Protein backbone atom coordinates (compact mmCIF):
# COMPACT_ATOMS: atom_id res chain seq x y z
CA MET A 1 -1.15 19.81 6.44
CA ALA A 2 -0.15 17.23 3.78
CA ALA A 3 -0.83 13.61 4.44
CA VAL A 4 0.59 10.20 3.58
CA TYR A 5 -1.98 7.42 2.68
CA TRP A 6 -0.16 4.18 3.09
CA ILE A 7 -2.28 1.56 1.23
CA THR A 8 -0.99 -1.90 2.06
CA GLY A 9 -2.11 -5.51 1.35
CA LEU A 10 -0.82 -8.61 -0.42
CA SER A 11 0.03 -8.96 -4.08
CA GLY A 12 -3.26 -8.93 -6.10
CA ALA A 13 -5.33 -7.31 -3.25
CA GLY A 14 -6.15 -4.31 -5.40
CA LYS A 15 -3.93 -1.67 -3.74
CA THR A 16 -2.76 -0.08 -6.94
CA THR A 17 -6.14 -0.08 -8.69
CA ILE A 18 -7.93 1.46 -5.66
CA GLY A 19 -5.05 3.75 -4.74
CA ARG A 20 -4.89 5.15 -8.44
CA ILE A 21 -8.58 5.97 -8.38
CA PHE A 22 -8.25 7.52 -4.82
CA TYR A 23 -5.29 9.55 -6.13
CA GLU A 24 -7.37 10.94 -9.01
CA LYS A 25 -10.10 11.98 -6.60
CA LEU A 26 -7.78 13.55 -4.07
CA LYS A 27 -5.79 15.27 -6.82
CA THR A 28 -8.89 17.18 -7.95
CA LYS A 29 -9.01 18.76 -4.46
CA TYR A 30 -5.31 19.15 -3.86
CA SER A 31 -3.03 19.50 -6.80
CA GLY A 32 0.03 18.87 -4.67
CA THR A 33 -0.70 15.03 -4.56
CA VAL A 34 1.62 12.26 -5.78
CA PHE A 35 1.10 8.59 -6.44
CA LEU A 36 3.67 6.02 -5.61
CA ASP A 37 3.44 2.27 -6.39
CA GLY A 38 5.78 -0.42 -5.02
CA ASP A 39 6.42 -2.18 -8.31
CA ILE A 40 7.19 1.05 -10.10
CA MET A 41 9.37 2.33 -7.19
CA ARG A 42 11.52 -0.85 -7.29
CA GLY A 43 12.43 0.03 -10.82
CA ILE A 44 13.14 3.68 -10.01
CA PHE A 45 15.50 2.52 -7.31
CA GLY A 46 17.28 0.22 -9.72
CA ASN A 47 15.84 -3.16 -8.87
CA ASP A 48 18.83 -3.77 -6.65
CA LEU A 49 16.92 -5.57 -3.93
CA GLY A 50 15.54 -9.10 -4.08
CA TYR A 51 12.40 -10.51 -2.48
CA SER A 52 13.83 -12.04 0.75
CA GLU A 53 12.42 -10.71 4.05
CA ALA A 54 15.62 -8.62 4.61
CA ASP A 55 15.43 -7.04 1.16
CA ARG A 56 11.72 -6.36 1.40
CA ARG A 57 12.28 -4.60 4.80
CA LYS A 58 14.90 -2.38 3.23
CA CYS A 59 12.71 -1.67 0.28
CA ALA A 60 9.75 -0.76 2.54
CA MET A 61 11.99 1.61 4.55
CA ARG A 62 13.01 3.31 1.36
CA TYR A 63 9.32 3.96 0.58
CA SER A 64 8.76 5.20 4.07
CA ARG A 65 11.64 7.66 4.01
CA LEU A 66 10.50 8.88 0.49
CA CYS A 67 6.94 9.37 1.82
CA HIS A 68 8.31 11.30 4.77
CA MET A 69 10.42 13.53 2.63
CA LEU A 70 7.64 14.32 0.13
CA GLN A 71 5.03 14.92 2.78
CA SER A 72 7.44 17.23 4.75
CA GLN A 73 7.61 19.27 1.57
CA GLY A 74 3.91 19.77 1.61
CA LEU A 75 2.78 17.04 -0.78
CA ASN A 76 0.09 14.46 -0.17
CA VAL A 77 1.39 11.03 -0.87
CA ILE A 78 -0.55 7.90 -1.77
CA CYS A 79 1.79 4.97 -1.50
CA CYS A 80 0.65 1.54 -2.54
CA THR A 81 2.91 -1.12 -1.27
CA ILE A 82 2.87 -4.65 0.31
CA SER A 83 5.31 -3.67 3.15
CA MET A 84 3.73 -6.00 5.52
CA PHE A 85 5.96 -5.36 8.49
CA ASP A 86 4.99 -3.97 11.79
CA SER A 87 8.36 -2.18 12.24
CA VAL A 88 7.80 -0.17 9.08
CA ARG A 89 4.31 0.82 9.92
CA GLU A 90 5.46 1.82 13.52
CA TRP A 91 8.26 3.88 11.90
CA ASN A 92 5.69 5.58 9.75
CA ARG A 93 3.44 6.38 12.72
CA GLU A 94 6.31 7.75 14.72
CA ASN A 95 8.00 9.76 12.01
CA ILE A 96 5.37 10.83 9.46
CA GLU A 97 2.93 13.49 10.47
CA ASN A 98 -0.61 13.03 9.27
CA TYR A 99 0.02 9.27 8.41
CA HIS A 100 -2.92 7.17 7.45
CA GLU A 101 -2.90 3.51 6.92
CA ILE A 102 -5.36 1.73 4.78
CA TYR A 103 -5.41 -2.06 4.78
CA VAL A 104 -6.79 -3.68 1.57
CA LYS A 105 -7.66 -7.12 2.94
CA VAL A 106 -8.55 -10.01 0.66
CA THR A 107 -9.12 -13.69 1.37
CA MET A 108 -6.36 -16.10 0.21
CA GLN A 109 -8.99 -17.92 -1.85
CA THR A 110 -9.63 -14.69 -3.83
CA LEU A 111 -5.91 -13.92 -4.24
CA LYS A 112 -5.23 -17.35 -5.70
CA LYS A 113 -8.19 -16.97 -8.04
CA ARG A 114 -7.03 -13.57 -9.28
CA ASP A 115 -3.39 -14.51 -9.55
CA GLN A 116 -2.73 -11.47 -11.78
CA LYS A 117 0.89 -11.81 -11.83
CA GLY A 118 1.09 -15.54 -11.78
CA LEU A 119 2.77 -15.42 -8.27
CA TYR A 120 0.40 -17.70 -6.41
CA SER A 121 0.35 -20.50 -9.07
CA ALA A 122 4.20 -20.15 -9.32
CA TYR A 123 4.36 -20.57 -5.46
CA GLU A 124 2.19 -23.66 -5.52
CA SER A 125 4.25 -25.24 -8.38
CA GLY A 126 7.42 -24.59 -6.52
CA GLU A 127 8.75 -21.92 -8.94
CA GLU A 128 8.36 -18.98 -6.57
CA LYS A 129 10.16 -19.34 -3.22
CA GLU A 130 9.78 -15.81 -1.70
CA LEU A 131 6.14 -14.99 -1.73
CA ALA A 132 4.77 -12.39 0.82
CA GLY A 133 2.34 -14.11 3.12
CA PHE A 134 3.86 -17.51 2.60
CA GLN A 135 7.63 -17.95 2.85
CA VAL A 136 8.14 -14.27 3.55
CA GLY A 137 6.59 -13.37 6.79
CA LEU A 138 3.26 -11.57 6.82
CA GLU A 139 2.56 -9.20 9.84
CA GLU A 140 -1.00 -8.21 9.20
CA PRO A 141 -1.72 -4.53 10.23
CA LYS A 142 -2.96 -4.47 13.79
CA CYS A 143 -4.46 -1.01 13.91
CA PRO A 144 -4.93 0.53 10.35
CA ASP A 145 -7.00 3.62 10.18
CA LEU A 146 -9.26 1.81 7.70
CA THR A 147 -9.56 -1.70 6.53
CA ILE A 148 -11.21 -2.54 3.23
CA GLN A 149 -12.35 -5.97 2.34
CA ASN A 150 -11.76 -6.22 -1.39
CA ASP A 151 -12.98 -9.73 -2.52
CA GLY A 152 -14.73 -8.29 -5.55
CA ASN A 153 -18.16 -7.52 -4.09
CA ILE A 154 -17.56 -3.75 -4.24
CA SER A 155 -16.01 -1.92 -7.22
CA PRO A 156 -12.56 -0.28 -6.95
CA GLU A 157 -14.40 3.07 -7.65
CA LYS A 158 -16.71 2.51 -4.64
CA GLN A 159 -13.60 1.41 -2.53
CA ALA A 160 -11.89 4.63 -3.38
CA GLU A 161 -14.92 6.62 -2.60
CA LYS A 162 -15.00 4.86 0.74
CA ILE A 163 -11.41 5.90 1.53
CA MET A 164 -12.18 9.49 0.45
CA SER A 165 -15.38 9.64 2.52
CA PHE A 166 -13.67 8.11 5.60
CA PHE A 167 -10.87 10.76 5.73
CA GLU A 168 -13.20 13.66 4.81
CA LYS A 169 -15.54 12.74 7.73
CA SER A 170 -12.79 12.17 10.12
CA GLY A 171 -11.17 15.49 9.29
CA LYS A 172 -7.84 13.68 8.51
CA GLU A 173 -7.63 14.33 4.82
CA GLY A 174 -4.64 16.21 3.45
CA MET A 175 -4.09 19.90 3.08
């Protein structure tokens, strides 16, 4: 049965980098595998939502419903998204068969140091008002299937291998 791998964490945690490597590994085993990234999907959906908590929730539910539709058609889905809301993850667990949650956890110190998109420095200077984990609520995953600490001590390749190995050993990988 196809699976959804919901890779979540704050901006700059490494979700997309790790998720893309995981996707490449899974796709070699199962050709029916797709990769979705939150930043790219915002554009695909027309950038019609902002970054308020309400808009972020709507956006996350779009991603959830898209993952559900693709998985129900037999595709493995790797979705990399912040979507830090318990209600969204609960919906996923209740509505998506073979749903797997991976939390990419990073210390705030590391996120501020990486600051790849300039979001953390913009927040500290007052330019950014709606940053997930600060002004916009953060509901840290309470029971992910796998938590990965990604403060830079382990390469993204090794992190992706850890995900692959975890789901192979648990018998929960896709088709």
